[in-house]
Amino acid sequence: MFLYHPIKTYLYRMNPFDDNYFMKRALEEAHIAFDKGEVPVGAVIVVDDRIIARAHNLTEQLTDVTAHAEMQAITAASNFLGGKYLNQCTLYVTLEPCVMCSGALYWSQLKKIVYGASDPKRGGLALGVNLHPKTEIVSGVMKDEASELLKSFFSQKRT
């Protein structure tokens, strides 16, 4: 005999792997970048509630202007899956992707892109770059945390 219990039923149906959960993982990557002296941007790529790629900015360490978190994550996810299209995957990134990354994200055909802080000066979406027509875009997830980390980094660099 099964007795209905509203709290247990709610907890059973609740998915702990939501956008906030994965954005927290991306923020962990951004903190790693911060500690390395890199602009603190982090990214994770997820398929079926499983992280298949983790990345953060490595432009200083690799002396490579293309070593953005998104680019590193795309490469890692493609290697993991054995293919160039990520059309079943979701990218979580702490900052709105730049024009370069937006172009790469277009070609990788991600199912969904979730980003935290907006970048009105250099963000690809802010500058009018189109992503793949099937890509869902969600903005502003944990934007305050992502923005604060970036502000702290640049404030520290100025002093």
N, C-alpha and C. Protein backbone atom coordinates (compact mmCIF):
# COMPACT_ATOMS: atom_id res chain seq x y z
N MET A 1 0.84 -1.18 0.00
CA MET A 1 0.00 0.00 0.00
C MET A 1 0.89 1.24 0.00
N PHE A 2 0.61 2.18 -0.90
CA PHE A 2 1.37 3.41 -1.02
C PHE A 2 0.57 4.55 -0.41
N LEU A 3 1.16 5.25 0.53
CA LEU A 3 0.52 6.42 1.12
C LEU A 3 1.10 7.67 0.49
N TYR A 4 0.26 8.56 0.08
CA TYR A 4 0.70 9.80 -0.55
C TYR A 4 1.28 10.72 0.52
N HIS A 5 2.46 11.19 0.27
CA HIS A 5 3.10 12.16 1.17
C HIS A 5 3.54 13.33 0.32
N PRO A 6 2.91 14.53 0.50
CA PRO A 6 3.18 15.63 -0.42
C PRO A 6 4.64 16.09 -0.45
N ILE A 7 5.32 16.12 0.66
CA ILE A 7 6.71 16.58 0.66
C ILE A 7 7.62 15.56 0.00
N LYS A 8 7.48 14.30 0.35
CA LYS A 8 8.32 13.28 -0.27
C LYS A 8 8.05 13.18 -1.77
N THR A 9 6.80 13.32 -2.17
CA THR A 9 6.46 13.27 -3.58
C THR A 9 7.09 14.45 -4.31
N TYR A 10 7.05 15.64 -3.70
CA TYR A 10 7.66 16.82 -4.31
C TYR A 10 9.16 16.62 -4.45
N LEU A 11 9.81 16.16 -3.41
CA LEU A 11 11.25 15.96 -3.46
C LEU A 11 11.64 14.91 -4.48
N TYR A 12 10.82 13.89 -4.63
CA TYR A 12 11.10 12.83 -5.59
C TYR A 12 11.03 13.36 -7.01
N ARG A 13 10.07 14.25 -7.26
CA ARG A 13 9.87 14.78 -8.61
C ARG A 13 10.82 15.92 -8.94
N MET A 14 11.39 16.53 -7.93
CA MET A 14 12.27 17.68 -8.15
C MET A 14 13.60 17.20 -8.72
N ASN A 15 14.04 17.85 -9.79
CA ASN A 15 15.31 17.51 -10.40
C ASN A 15 16.39 18.40 -9.79
N PRO A 16 17.36 17.82 -9.08
CA PRO A 16 18.40 18.66 -8.47
C PRO A 16 19.36 19.23 -9.51
N PHE A 17 19.34 18.72 -10.72
CA PHE A 17 20.25 19.17 -11.77
C PHE A 17 19.56 20.22 -12.65
N ASP A 18 19.40 21.40 -12.10
CA ASP A 18 18.77 22.49 -12.84
C ASP A 18 19.84 23.46 -13.32
N ASP A 19 19.42 24.56 -13.94
CA ASP A 19 20.36 25.53 -14.47
C ASP A 19 21.27 26.11 -13.39
N ASN A 20 20.72 26.33 -12.19
CA ASN A 20 21.55 26.87 -11.10
C ASN A 20 22.63 25.88 -10.69
N TYR A 21 22.30 24.61 -10.63
CA TYR A 21 23.28 23.60 -10.25
C TYR A 21 24.48 23.62 -11.21
N PHE A 22 24.20 23.60 -12.50
CA PHE A 22 25.28 23.56 -13.48
C PHE A 22 26.01 24.90 -13.59
N MET A 23 25.30 26.00 -13.37
CA MET A 23 25.99 27.29 -13.38
C MET A 23 26.95 27.38 -12.19
N LYS A 24 26.61 26.79 -11.08
CA LYS A 24 27.54 26.74 -9.94
C LYS A 24 28.81 26.00 -10.32
N ARG A 25 28.69 24.94 -11.11
CA ARG A 25 29.87 24.21 -11.58
C ARG A 25 30.70 25.09 -12.51
N ALA A 26 30.04 25.86 -13.35
CA ALA A 26 30.75 26.79 -14.24
C ALA A 26 31.44 27.87 -13.41
N LEU A 27 30.81 28.34 -12.36
CA LEU A 27 31.43 29.33 -11.47
C LEU A 27 32.65 28.75 -10.76
N GLU A 28 32.62 27.47 -10.44
CA GLU A 28 33.80 26.83 -9.86
C GLU A 28 34.97 26.92 -10.83
N GLU A 29 34.70 26.71 -12.11
CA GLU A 29 35.74 26.84 -13.13
C GLU A 29 36.22 28.29 -13.24
N ALA A 30 35.31 29.23 -13.13
CA ALA A 30 35.68 30.65 -13.19
C ALA A 30 36.61 31.00 -12.02
N HIS A 31 36.36 30.43 -10.86
CA HIS A 31 37.23 30.67 -9.70
C HIS A 31 38.63 30.10 -9.93
N ILE A 32 38.70 28.98 -10.61
CA ILE A 32 40.02 28.41 -10.95
C ILE A 32 40.77 29.38 -11.86
N ALA A 33 40.06 29.93 -12.85
CA ALA A 33 40.68 30.91 -13.75
C ALA A 33 41.15 32.13 -12.96
N PHE A 34 40.33 32.60 -12.05
CA PHE A 34 40.68 33.76 -11.21
C PHE A 34 41.99 33.49 -10.47
N ASP A 35 42.08 32.32 -9.87
CA ASP A 35 43.28 31.95 -9.09
C ASP A 35 44.53 31.86 -9.97
N LYS A 36 44.35 31.60 -11.25
CA LYS A 36 45.47 31.52 -12.19
C LYS A 36 45.82 32.87 -12.82
N GLY A 37 45.06 33.91 -12.46
CA GLY A 37 45.30 35.21 -13.06
C GLY A 37 44.64 35.39 -14.42
N GLU A 38 43.75 34.48 -14.76
CA GLU A 38 42.99 34.56 -16.02
C GLU A 38 41.69 35.30 -15.77
N VAL A 39 41.14 35.91 -16.81
CA VAL A 39 39.81 36.51 -16.68
C VAL A 39 38.87 35.39 -16.23
N PRO A 40 38.16 35.60 -15.12
CA PRO A 40 37.39 34.50 -14.51
C PRO A 40 36.09 34.15 -15.24
N VAL A 41 36.24 33.38 -16.29
CA VAL A 41 35.10 32.85 -17.03
C VAL A 41 35.23 31.33 -16.99
N GLY A 42 34.14 30.68 -16.62
CA GLY A 42 34.12 29.22 -16.58
C GLY A 42 32.96 28.67 -17.37
N ALA A 43 33.11 27.42 -17.80
CA ALA A 43 32.07 26.78 -18.61
C ALA A 43 32.02 25.30 -18.33
N VAL A 44 30.84 24.74 -18.44
CA VAL A 44 30.66 23.29 -18.44
C VAL A 44 29.69 22.95 -19.55
N ILE A 45 29.86 21.77 -20.12
CA ILE A 45 28.91 21.26 -21.11
C ILE A 45 28.31 19.99 -20.55
N VAL A 46 26.97 19.92 -20.68
CA VAL A 46 26.18 18.87 -20.04
C VAL A 46 25.35 18.14 -21.09
N VAL A 47 25.26 16.84 -20.93
CA VAL A 47 24.33 16.04 -21.73
C VAL A 47 23.67 15.05 -20.77
N ASP A 48 22.36 14.97 -20.82
CA ASP A 48 21.59 14.07 -19.95
C ASP A 48 21.98 14.22 -18.48
N ASP A 49 22.03 15.46 -18.00
CA ASP A 49 22.37 15.78 -16.61
C ASP A 49 23.76 15.30 -16.18
N ARG A 50 24.65 15.14 -17.14
CA ARG A 50 26.02 14.69 -16.86
C ARG A 50 27.00 15.69 -17.46
N ILE A 51 27.92 16.17 -16.65
CA ILE A 51 28.94 17.08 -17.16
C ILE A 51 29.96 16.27 -17.96
N ILE A 52 30.12 16.66 -19.23
CA ILE A 52 31.09 15.96 -20.08
C ILE A 52 32.30 16.82 -20.40
N ALA A 53 32.23 18.10 -20.05
CA ALA A 53 33.37 18.99 -20.28
C ALA A 53 33.35 20.12 -19.25
N ARG A 54 34.53 20.42 -18.73
CA ARG A 54 34.73 21.55 -17.81
C ARG A 54 35.87 22.37 -18.36
N ALA A 55 35.73 23.69 -18.28
CA ALA A 55 36.80 24.54 -18.83
C ALA A 55 36.74 25.92 -18.21
N HIS A 56 37.86 26.62 -18.33
CA HIS A 56 37.95 28.02 -17.92
C HIS A 56 38.93 28.71 -18.85
N ASN A 57 38.95 30.03 -18.79
CA ASN A 57 39.84 30.78 -19.65
C ASN A 57 41.29 30.36 -19.42
N LEU A 58 42.04 30.21 -20.50
CA LEU A 58 43.46 29.86 -20.45
C LEU A 58 44.28 30.73 -21.39
N THR A 59 43.79 31.91 -21.72
CA THR A 59 44.47 32.75 -22.71
C THR A 59 45.86 33.18 -22.26
N GLU A 60 46.04 33.47 -20.99
CA GLU A 60 47.36 33.89 -20.47
C GLU A 60 48.30 32.69 -20.38
N GLN A 61 47.80 31.62 -19.80
CA GLN A 61 48.62 30.42 -19.60
C GLN A 61 49.09 29.83 -20.92
N LEU A 62 48.23 29.82 -21.91
CA LEU A 62 48.57 29.22 -23.20
C LEU A 62 49.07 30.27 -24.21
N THR A 63 49.09 31.52 -23.81
CA THR A 63 49.39 32.63 -24.72
C THR A 63 48.65 32.45 -26.05
N ASP A 64 47.35 32.31 -25.92
CA ASP A 64 46.49 32.02 -27.07
C ASP A 64 45.18 32.80 -26.89
N VAL A 65 44.95 33.77 -27.74
CA VAL A 65 43.75 34.59 -27.60
C VAL A 65 42.46 33.80 -27.85
N THR A 66 42.57 32.63 -28.43
CA THR A 66 41.37 31.82 -28.68
C THR A 66 41.06 30.85 -27.54
N ALA A 67 41.86 30.84 -26.49
CA ALA A 67 41.70 29.86 -25.42
C ALA A 67 40.65 30.29 -24.40
N HIS A 68 39.50 30.71 -24.90
CA HIS A 68 38.38 31.08 -24.02
C HIS A 68 37.74 29.82 -23.45
N ALA A 69 37.04 29.98 -22.33
CA ALA A 69 36.40 28.85 -21.66
C ALA A 69 35.49 28.07 -22.61
N GLU A 70 34.70 28.80 -23.40
CA GLU A 70 33.76 28.14 -24.31
C GLU A 70 34.49 27.30 -25.35
N MET A 71 35.57 27.84 -25.90
CA MET A 71 36.33 27.12 -26.92
C MET A 71 36.95 25.86 -26.34
N GLN A 72 37.49 25.97 -25.13
CA GLN A 72 38.07 24.81 -24.47
C GLN A 72 37.00 23.75 -24.19
N ALA A 73 35.82 24.21 -23.77
CA ALA A 73 34.73 23.28 -23.46
C ALA A 73 34.21 22.58 -24.71
N ILE A 74 34.08 23.32 -25.82
CA ILE A 74 33.62 22.72 -27.08
C ILE A 74 34.57 21.61 -27.50
N THR A 75 35.86 21.90 -27.44
CA THR A 75 36.86 20.89 -27.85
C THR A 75 36.78 19.66 -26.96
N ALA A 76 36.70 19.87 -25.66
CA ALA A 76 36.64 18.73 -24.72
C ALA A 76 35.37 17.91 -24.94
N ALA A 77 34.23 18.57 -25.11
CA ALA A 77 32.97 17.85 -25.32
C ALA A 77 32.98 17.09 -26.64
N SER A 78 33.50 17.71 -27.69
CA SER A 78 33.58 17.03 -28.99
C SER A 78 34.47 15.80 -28.91
N ASN A 79 35.59 15.94 -28.20
CA ASN A 79 36.48 14.78 -28.02
C ASN A 79 35.78 13.68 -27.23
N PHE A 80 35.05 14.07 -26.19
CA PHE A 80 34.34 13.09 -25.36
C PHE A 80 33.30 12.33 -26.19
N LEU A 81 32.54 13.07 -26.99
CA LEU A 81 31.45 12.47 -27.77
C LEU A 81 31.93 11.83 -29.07
N GLY A 82 33.11 12.21 -29.54
CA GLY A 82 33.62 11.67 -30.79
C GLY A 82 32.96 12.28 -32.01
N GLY A 83 32.47 13.51 -31.89
CA GLY A 83 31.85 14.18 -33.02
C GLY A 83 31.84 15.67 -32.81
N LYS A 84 31.66 16.41 -33.90
CA LYS A 84 31.75 17.86 -33.81
C LYS A 84 30.45 18.54 -33.44
N TYR A 85 29.34 17.88 -33.57
CA TYR A 85 28.05 18.50 -33.26
C TYR A 85 27.62 18.17 -31.85
N LEU A 86 27.20 19.21 -31.14
CA LEU A 86 26.80 19.08 -29.73
C LEU A 86 25.30 19.37 -29.58
N ASN A 87 24.52 18.88 -30.54
CA ASN A 87 23.11 19.24 -30.59
C ASN A 87 22.23 18.61 -29.50
N GLN A 88 22.80 17.78 -28.66
CA GLN A 88 22.07 17.24 -27.51
C GLN A 88 22.61 17.82 -26.20
N CYS A 89 23.49 18.80 -26.31
CA CYS A 89 24.21 19.33 -25.15
C CYS A 89 23.77 20.74 -24.77
N THR A 90 24.03 21.06 -23.51
CA THR A 90 23.81 22.40 -22.98
C THR A 90 25.13 22.95 -22.49
N LEU A 91 25.43 24.18 -22.88
CA LEU A 91 26.60 24.89 -22.39
C LEU A 91 26.16 25.84 -21.29
N TYR A 92 26.85 25.79 -20.16
CA TYR A 92 26.68 26.75 -19.08
C TYR A 92 27.96 27.56 -19.02
N VAL A 93 27.86 28.87 -19.15
CA VAL A 93 29.03 29.73 -19.14
C VAL A 93 28.72 30.97 -18.31
N THR A 94 29.70 31.43 -17.55
CA THR A 94 29.46 32.49 -16.59
C THR A 94 29.31 33.87 -17.22
N LEU A 95 29.80 34.06 -18.44
CA LEU A 95 29.72 35.34 -19.13
C LEU A 95 29.19 35.13 -20.54
N GLU A 96 28.39 36.05 -21.00
CA GLU A 96 27.88 35.99 -22.37
C GLU A 96 29.03 35.76 -23.35
N PRO A 97 28.91 34.78 -24.22
CA PRO A 97 30.00 34.48 -25.16
C PRO A 97 30.31 35.66 -26.08
N CYS A 98 31.60 35.84 -26.37
CA CYS A 98 32.05 36.89 -27.28
C CYS A 98 31.69 36.51 -28.73
N VAL A 99 32.05 37.37 -29.65
CA VAL A 99 31.75 37.13 -31.07
C VAL A 99 32.44 35.85 -31.55
N MET A 100 33.72 35.68 -31.21
CA MET A 100 34.45 34.49 -31.65
C MET A 100 33.78 33.21 -31.12
N CYS A 101 33.49 33.21 -29.82
CA CYS A 101 32.89 32.02 -29.22
C CYS A 101 31.48 31.78 -29.76
N SER A 102 30.74 32.86 -29.99
CA SER A 102 29.39 32.73 -30.54
C SER A 102 29.43 32.05 -31.90
N GLY A 103 30.42 32.39 -32.71
CA GLY A 103 30.57 31.74 -34.01
C GLY A 103 30.83 30.25 -33.86
N ALA A 104 31.72 29.89 -32.95
CA ALA A 104 32.01 28.47 -32.71
C ALA A 104 30.79 27.75 -32.15
N LEU A 105 30.05 28.44 -31.29
CA LEU A 105 28.84 27.83 -30.72
C LEU A 105 27.78 27.62 -31.79
N TYR A 106 27.71 28.55 -32.75
CA TYR A 106 26.79 28.38 -33.87
C TYR A 106 27.10 27.06 -34.59
N TRP A 107 28.38 26.86 -34.94
CA TRP A 107 28.76 25.68 -35.71
C TRP A 107 28.66 24.39 -34.92
N SER A 108 28.78 24.45 -33.60
CA SER A 108 28.66 23.23 -32.80
C SER A 108 27.21 22.81 -32.59
N GLN A 109 26.27 23.71 -32.91
CA GLN A 109 24.84 23.41 -32.90
C GLN A 109 24.33 22.96 -31.53
N LEU A 110 24.76 23.63 -30.48
CA LEU A 110 24.29 23.28 -29.14
C LEU A 110 22.78 23.35 -29.04
N LYS A 111 22.24 22.48 -28.21
CA LYS A 111 20.80 22.47 -27.96
C LYS A 111 20.40 23.71 -27.16
N LYS A 112 21.26 24.07 -26.19
CA LYS A 112 20.90 25.16 -25.27
C LYS A 112 22.18 25.83 -24.77
N ILE A 113 22.12 27.14 -24.61
CA ILE A 113 23.21 27.91 -24.01
C ILE A 113 22.63 28.69 -22.86
N VAL A 114 23.25 28.54 -21.69
CA VAL A 114 22.84 29.26 -20.49
C VAL A 114 24.02 30.09 -20.04
N TYR A 115 23.83 31.40 -19.91
CA TYR A 115 24.94 32.22 -19.43
C TYR A 115 24.50 33.09 -18.27
N GLY A 116 25.51 33.52 -17.50
CA GLY A 116 25.24 34.32 -16.31
C GLY A 116 25.23 35.80 -16.64
N ALA A 117 26.38 36.44 -16.53
CA ALA A 117 26.50 37.89 -16.73
C ALA A 117 26.44 38.25 -18.21
N SER A 118 25.79 39.36 -18.50
CA SER A 118 25.79 39.89 -19.87
C SER A 118 27.07 40.68 -20.11
N ASP A 119 27.44 40.79 -21.38
CA ASP A 119 28.62 41.57 -21.76
C ASP A 119 28.19 42.52 -22.88
N PRO A 120 27.64 43.69 -22.50
CA PRO A 120 27.10 44.60 -23.53
C PRO A 120 28.14 45.17 -24.48
N LYS A 121 29.43 45.17 -24.09
CA LYS A 121 30.47 45.74 -24.97
C LYS A 121 31.07 44.72 -25.92
N ARG A 122 31.22 43.46 -25.46
CA ARG A 122 31.90 42.45 -26.28
C ARG A 122 31.09 41.16 -26.48
N GLY A 123 29.91 41.09 -25.92
CA GLY A 123 29.09 39.89 -26.04
C GLY A 123 28.57 39.70 -27.44
N GLY A 124 28.67 38.50 -27.94
CA GLY A 124 28.22 38.21 -29.29
C GLY A 124 26.74 38.48 -29.50
N LEU A 125 25.93 38.10 -28.53
CA LEU A 125 24.49 38.32 -28.67
C LEU A 125 24.17 39.81 -28.61
N ALA A 126 24.86 40.52 -27.71
CA ALA A 126 24.66 41.97 -27.61
C ALA A 126 25.04 42.68 -28.91
N LEU A 127 26.02 42.12 -29.62
CA LEU A 127 26.48 42.72 -30.87
C LEU A 127 25.75 42.18 -32.10
N GLY A 128 24.74 41.33 -31.87
CA GLY A 128 23.89 40.88 -32.96
C GLY A 128 24.30 39.60 -33.66
N VAL A 129 25.22 38.84 -33.09
CA VAL A 129 25.61 37.56 -33.70
C VAL A 129 24.47 36.56 -33.52
N ASN A 130 24.11 35.89 -34.59
CA ASN A 130 23.07 34.87 -34.52
C ASN A 130 23.67 33.53 -34.13
N LEU A 131 22.97 32.82 -33.28
CA LEU A 131 23.35 31.44 -32.96
C LEU A 131 22.50 30.51 -33.82
N HIS A 132 22.79 29.23 -33.73
CA HIS A 132 22.04 28.25 -34.52
C HIS A 132 20.54 28.41 -34.22
N PRO A 133 19.68 28.35 -35.24
CA PRO A 133 18.25 28.59 -35.02
C PRO A 133 17.59 27.63 -34.04
N LYS A 134 18.17 26.45 -33.84
CA LYS A 134 17.58 25.48 -32.91
C LYS A 134 18.13 25.63 -31.49
N THR A 135 19.08 26.53 -31.29
CA THR A 135 19.69 26.71 -29.99
C THR A 135 18.82 27.59 -29.10
N GLU A 136 18.44 27.05 -27.95
CA GLU A 136 17.70 27.83 -26.95
C GLU A 136 18.72 28.64 -26.14
N ILE A 137 18.38 29.87 -25.82
CA ILE A 137 19.28 30.73 -25.05
C ILE A 137 18.59 31.17 -23.77
N VAL A 138 19.29 31.00 -22.65
CA VAL A 138 18.80 31.44 -21.35
C VAL A 138 19.87 32.35 -20.77
N SER A 139 19.49 33.56 -20.37
CA SER A 139 20.48 34.50 -19.84
C SER A 139 20.15 34.85 -18.39
N GLY A 140 21.17 35.35 -17.69
CA GLY A 140 20.97 35.88 -16.35
C GLY A 140 20.98 34.88 -15.22
N VAL A 141 21.35 33.63 -15.48
CA VAL A 141 21.38 32.63 -14.41
C VAL A 141 22.60 32.89 -13.53
N MET A 142 22.37 33.20 -12.29
CA MET A 142 23.42 33.53 -11.31
C MET A 142 24.29 34.69 -11.78
N LYS A 143 23.65 35.65 -12.45
CA LYS A 143 24.38 36.78 -13.02
C LYS A 143 25.08 37.61 -11.96
N ASP A 144 24.51 37.75 -10.78
CA ASP A 144 25.13 38.57 -9.74
C ASP A 144 26.46 37.96 -9.28
N GLU A 145 26.47 36.65 -9.08
CA GLU A 145 27.70 35.97 -8.67
C GLU A 145 28.77 36.07 -9.74
N ALA A 146 28.38 35.86 -10.99
CA ALA A 146 29.33 35.94 -12.11
C ALA A 146 29.86 37.37 -12.27
N SER A 147 28.99 38.35 -12.17
CA SER A 147 29.40 39.75 -12.31
C SER A 147 30.34 40.16 -11.19
N GLU A 148 30.03 39.76 -9.97
CA GLU A 148 30.87 40.11 -8.82
C GLU A 148 32.28 39.54 -8.96
N LEU A 149 32.37 38.32 -9.44
CA LEU A 149 33.68 37.70 -9.63
C LEU A 149 34.49 38.48 -10.67
N LEU A 150 33.87 38.86 -11.77
CA LEU A 150 34.55 39.65 -12.80
C LEU A 150 34.96 41.02 -12.26
N LYS A 151 34.06 41.69 -11.56
CA LYS A 151 34.38 43.01 -10.99
C LYS A 151 35.54 42.91 -10.01
N SER A 152 35.52 41.88 -9.19
CA SER A 152 36.60 41.67 -8.22
C SER A 152 37.93 41.46 -8.92
N PHE A 153 37.92 40.67 -9.98
CA PHE A 153 39.15 40.39 -10.74
C PHE A 153 39.73 41.67 -11.32
N PHE A 154 38.90 42.45 -12.01
CA PHE A 154 39.40 43.66 -12.66
C PHE A 154 39.77 44.74 -11.64
N SER A 155 39.07 44.79 -10.54
CA SER A 155 39.42 45.72 -9.47
C SER A 155 40.79 45.38 -8.90
N GLN A 156 41.02 44.10 -8.70
CA GLN A 156 42.32 43.61 -8.20
C GLN A 156 43.45 43.92 -9.19
N LYS A 157 43.16 43.80 -10.48
CA LYS A 157 44.17 44.07 -11.51
C LYS A 157 44.55 45.55 -11.54
N ARG A 158 43.56 46.43 -11.25
CA ARG A 158 43.83 47.86 -11.30
C ARG A 158 44.66 48.35 -10.12
N THR A 159 44.66 47.62 -9.01
CA THR A 159 45.39 48.08 -7.81
C THR A 159 46.78 47.51 -7.72
